[in-house]
Amino acid sequence: MGIGFHGVRLPLVILLGLGVSRALFFAATALTIGHLNILPSRLPSC
């Protein structure tokens, strides 16, 4: 039972970890792209 539990839990943990890391990566890239797009548009107006 323990082996089956680990066999089922391990892929779920790996998928969960990949999903979290991918979500954080996309959030970081979106923030950096947003900052790069906002800064040049704010400089001329200022």
PDB file of N, CA and C in Angstrom:
ATOM      1  N   MET A   1       0.846  -1.199   0.000  1.00  0.00           N
ATOM      2  CA  MET A   1       0.000   0.000   0.000  1.00  0.00           C
ATOM      3  C   MET A   1       0.883   1.251   0.000  1.00  0.00           C
ATOM      4  N   GLY A   2       1.960   1.175   0.790  1.00  0.00           N
ATOM      5  CA  GLY A   2       2.863   2.332   0.842  1.00  0.00           C
ATOM      6  C   GLY A   2       3.507   2.593  -0.507  1.00  0.00           C
ATOM      7  N   ILE A   3       3.886   1.487  -1.205  1.00  0.00           N
ATOM      8  CA  ILE A   3       4.523   1.657  -2.515  1.00  0.00           C
ATOM      9  C   ILE A   3       3.524   2.267  -3.504  1.00  0.00           C
ATOM     10  N   GLY A   4       2.280   1.770  -3.469  1.00  0.00           N
ATOM     11  CA  GLY A   4       1.269   2.308  -4.377  1.00  0.00           C
ATOM     12  C   GLY A   4       0.997   3.779  -4.071  1.00  0.00           C
ATOM     13  N   PHE A   5       0.969   4.118  -2.776  1.00  0.00           N
ATOM     14  CA  PHE A   5       0.723   5.509  -2.394  1.00  0.00           C
ATOM     15  C   PHE A   5       1.835   6.403  -2.921  1.00  0.00           C
ATOM     16  N   HIS A   6       3.093   5.943  -2.742  1.00  0.00           N
ATOM     17  CA  HIS A   6       4.217   6.741  -3.237  1.00  0.00           C
ATOM     18  C   HIS A   6       4.207   6.779  -4.764  1.00  0.00           C
ATOM     19  N   GLY A   7       3.842   5.645  -5.387  1.00  0.00           N
ATOM     20  CA  GLY A   7       3.805   5.598  -6.850  1.00  0.00           C
ATOM     21  C   GLY A   7       2.789   6.577  -7.413  1.00  0.00           C
ATOM     22  N   VAL A   8       1.704   6.810  -6.655  1.00  0.00           N
ATOM     23  CA  VAL A   8       0.679   7.746  -7.129  1.00  0.00           C
ATOM     24  C   VAL A   8       1.039   9.172  -6.729  1.00  0.00           C
ATOM     25  N   ARG A   9       1.663   9.313  -5.562  1.00  0.00           N
ATOM     26  CA  ARG A   9       1.930  10.660  -5.058  1.00  0.00           C
ATOM     27  C   ARG A   9       3.117  11.314  -5.762  1.00  0.00           C
ATOM     28  N   LEU A  10       4.151  10.537  -6.078  1.00  0.00           N
ATOM     29  CA  LEU A  10       5.350  11.118  -6.679  1.00  0.00           C
ATOM     30  C   LEU A  10       5.054  11.863  -7.974  1.00  0.00           C
ATOM     31  N   PRO A  11       4.354  11.259  -8.952  1.00  0.00           N
ATOM     32  CA  PRO A  11       4.046  12.011 -10.177  1.00  0.00           C
ATOM     33  C   PRO A  11       3.202  13.249  -9.902  1.00  0.00           C
ATOM     34  N   LEU A  12       2.284  13.160  -8.940  1.00  0.00           N
ATOM     35  CA  LEU A  12       1.455  14.325  -8.614  1.00  0.00           C
ATOM     36  C   LEU A  12       2.319  15.443  -8.059  1.00  0.00           C
ATOM     37  N   VAL A  13       3.277  15.096  -7.188  1.00  0.00           N
ATOM     38  CA  VAL A  13       4.161  16.112  -6.609  1.00  0.00           C
ATOM     39  C   VAL A  13       5.032  16.727  -7.697  1.00  0.00           C
ATOM     40  N   ILE A  14       5.522  15.891  -8.616  1.00  0.00           N
ATOM     41  CA  ILE A  14       6.369  16.409  -9.704  1.00  0.00           C
ATOM     42  C   ILE A  14       5.552  17.335 -10.608  1.00  0.00           C
ATOM     43  N   LEU A  15       4.338  16.905 -10.960  1.00  0.00           N
ATOM     44  CA  LEU A  15       3.495  17.748 -11.814  1.00  0.00           C
ATOM     45  C   LEU A  15       3.150  19.047 -11.092  1.00  0.00           C
ATOM     46  N   LEU A  16       2.854  18.954  -9.799  1.00  0.00           N
ATOM     47  CA  LEU A  16       2.525  20.151  -9.032  1.00  0.00           C
ATOM     48  C   LEU A  16       3.720  21.096  -8.989  1.00  0.00           C
ATOM     49  N   GLY A  17       4.911  20.537  -8.748  1.00  0.00           N
ATOM     50  CA  GLY A  17       6.118  21.366  -8.702  1.00  0.00           C
ATOM     51  C   GLY A  17       6.383  22.028 -10.043  1.00  0.00           C
ATOM     52  N   LEU A  18       6.211  21.276 -11.133  1.00  0.00           N
ATOM     53  CA  LEU A  18       6.430  21.852 -12.470  1.00  0.00           C
ATOM     54  C   LEU A  18       5.403  22.945 -12.742  1.00  0.00           C
ATOM     55  N   GLY A  19       4.170  22.713 -12.334  1.00  0.00           N
ATOM     56  CA  GLY A  19       3.129  23.715 -12.559  1.00  0.00           C
ATOM     57  C   GLY A  19       3.424  24.995 -11.790  1.00  0.00           C
ATOM     58  N   VAL A  20       3.859  24.864 -10.537  1.00  0.00           N
ATOM     59  CA  VAL A  20       4.160  26.043  -9.715  1.00  0.00           C
ATOM     60  C   VAL A  20       5.356  26.789 -10.287  1.00  0.00           C
ATOM     61  N   SER A  21       6.419  26.046 -10.631  1.00  0.00           N
ATOM     62  CA  SER A  21       7.619  26.700 -11.164  1.00  0.00           C
ATOM     63  C   SER A  21       7.302  27.370 -12.497  1.00  0.00           C
ATOM     64  N   ARG A  22       6.469  26.716 -13.313  1.00  0.00           N
ATOM     65  CA  ARG A  22       6.109  27.304 -14.607  1.00  0.00           C
ATOM     66  C   ARG A  22       5.249  28.543 -14.407  1.00  0.00           C
ATOM     67  N   ALA A  23       4.328  28.495 -13.439  1.00  0.00           N
ATOM     68  CA  ALA A  23       3.479  29.656 -13.166  1.00  0.00           C
ATOM     69  C   ALA A  23       4.333  30.826 -12.677  1.00  0.00           C
ATOM     70  N   LEU A  24       5.299  30.534 -11.779  1.00  0.00           N
ATOM     71  CA  LEU A  24       6.182  31.596 -11.284  1.00  0.00           C
ATOM     72  C   LEU A  24       7.022  32.155 -12.425  1.00  0.00           C
ATOM     73  N   PHE A  25       7.500  31.285 -13.320  1.00  0.00           N
ATOM     74  CA  PHE A  25       8.316  31.736 -14.451  1.00  0.00           C
ATOM     75  C   PHE A  25       7.501  32.650 -15.362  1.00  0.00           C
ATOM     76  N   PHE A  26       6.260  32.257 -15.665  1.00  0.00           N
ATOM     77  CA  PHE A  26       5.421  33.085 -16.526  1.00  0.00           C
ATOM     78  C   PHE A  26       5.091  34.405 -15.837  1.00  0.00           C
ATOM     79  N   ALA A  27       4.853  34.371 -14.519  1.00  0.00           N
ATOM     80  CA  ALA A  27       4.551  35.602 -13.785  1.00  0.00           C
ATOM     81  C   ALA A  27       5.754  36.538 -13.813  1.00  0.00           C
ATOM     82  N   ALA A  28       6.956  35.982 -13.625  1.00  0.00           N
ATOM     83  CA  ALA A  28       8.170  36.808 -13.634  1.00  0.00           C
ATOM     84  C   ALA A  28       8.386  37.412 -15.013  1.00  0.00           C
ATOM     85  N   THR A  29       8.216  36.619 -16.059  1.00  0.00           N
ATOM     86  CA  THR A  29       8.410  37.142 -17.419  1.00  0.00           C
ATOM     87  C   THR A  29       7.355  38.198 -17.735  1.00  0.00           C
ATOM     88  N   ALA A  30       6.118  37.973 -17.297  1.00  0.00           N
ATOM     89  CA  ALA A  30       5.059  38.949 -17.548  1.00  0.00           C
ATOM     90  C   ALA A  30       5.363  40.259 -16.822  1.00  0.00           C
ATOM     91  N   LEU A  31       5.863  40.164 -15.581  1.00  0.00           N
ATOM     92  CA  LEU A  31       6.199  41.374 -14.826  1.00  0.00           C
ATOM     93  C   LEU A  31       7.344  42.120 -15.489  1.00  0.00           C
ATOM     94  N   THR A  32       8.390  41.401 -15.910  1.00  0.00           N
ATOM     95  CA  THR A  32       9.536  42.063 -16.546  1.00  0.00           C
ATOM     96  C   THR A  32       9.104  42.702 -17.860  1.00  0.00           C
ATOM     97  N   ILE A  33       8.288  42.001 -18.644  1.00  0.00           N
ATOM     98  CA  ILE A  33       7.813  42.573 -19.914  1.00  0.00           C
ATOM     99  C   ILE A  33       6.940  43.795 -19.627  1.00  0.00           C
ATOM    100  N   GLY A  34       6.110  43.699 -18.598  1.00  0.00           N
ATOM    101  CA  GLY A  34       5.257  44.833 -18.236  1.00  0.00           C
ATOM    102  C   GLY A  34       6.089  46.034 -17.823  1.00  0.00           C
ATOM    103  N   HIS A  35       7.148  45.818 -17.035  1.00  0.00           N
ATOM    104  CA  HIS A  35       8.014  46.914 -16.605  1.00  0.00           C
ATOM    105  C   HIS A  35       8.741  47.503 -17.803  1.00  0.00           C
ATOM    106  N   LEU A  36       9.211  46.650 -18.710  1.00  0.00           N
ATOM    107  CA  LEU A  36       9.931  47.147 -19.895  1.00  0.00           C
ATOM    108  C   LEU A  36       8.994  47.957 -20.781  1.00  0.00           C
ATOM    109  N   ASN A  37       7.724  47.583 -20.826  1.00  0.00           N
ATOM    110  CA  ASN A  37       6.769  48.322 -21.660  1.00  0.00           C
ATOM    111  C   ASN A  37       6.324  49.615 -20.980  1.00  0.00           C
ATOM    112  N   ILE A  38       6.261  49.607 -19.633  1.00  0.00           N
ATOM    113  CA  ILE A  38       5.774  50.785 -18.900  1.00  0.00           C
ATOM    114  C   ILE A  38       6.861  51.859 -18.799  1.00  0.00           C
ATOM    115  N   LEU A  39       8.099  51.449 -18.519  1.00  0.00           N
ATOM    116  CA  LEU A  39       9.170  52.431 -18.321  1.00  0.00           C
ATOM    117  C   LEU A  39       9.379  53.336 -19.529  1.00  0.00           C
ATOM    118  N   PRO A  40       9.546  52.814 -20.750  1.00  0.00           N
ATOM    119  CA  PRO A  40       9.769  53.707 -21.894  1.00  0.00           C
ATOM    120  C   PRO A  40       8.580  54.634 -22.144  1.00  0.00           C
ATOM    121  N   SER A  41       7.357  54.191 -21.881  1.00  0.00           N
ATOM    122  CA  SER A  41       6.188  55.035 -22.129  1.00  0.00           C
ATOM    123  C   SER A  41       6.071  56.120 -21.054  1.00  0.00           C
ATOM    124  N   ARG A  42       6.607  55.870 -19.859  1.00  0.00           N
ATOM    125  CA  ARG A  42       6.521  56.871 -18.787  1.00  0.00           C
ATOM    126  C   ARG A  42       7.620  57.921 -18.912  1.00  0.00           C
ATOM    127  N   LEU A  43       8.789  57.533 -19.419  1.00  0.00           N
ATOM    128  CA  LEU A  43       9.908  58.478 -19.489  1.00  0.00           C
ATOM    129  C   LEU A  43       9.586  59.709 -20.342  1.00  0.00           C
ATOM    130  N   PRO A  44       9.057  59.577 -21.562  1.00  0.00           N
ATOM    131  CA  PRO A  44       8.787  60.772 -22.372  1.00  0.00           C
ATOM    132  C   PRO A  44       7.715  61.656 -21.735  1.00  0.00           C
ATOM    133  N   SER A  45       6.685  61.071 -21.122  1.00  0.00           N
ATOM    134  CA  SER A  45       5.616  61.873 -20.525  1.00  0.00           C
ATOM    135  C   SER A  45       6.147  62.647 -19.329  1.00  0.00           C
ATOM    136  N   CYS A  46       7.144  62.101 -18.634  1.00  0.00           N
ATOM    137  CA  CYS A  46       7.709  62.755 -17.468  1.00  0.00           C
ATOM    138  C   CYS A  46       8.710  63.814 -17.934  1.00  0.00           C
TER     139      CYS A  46
END
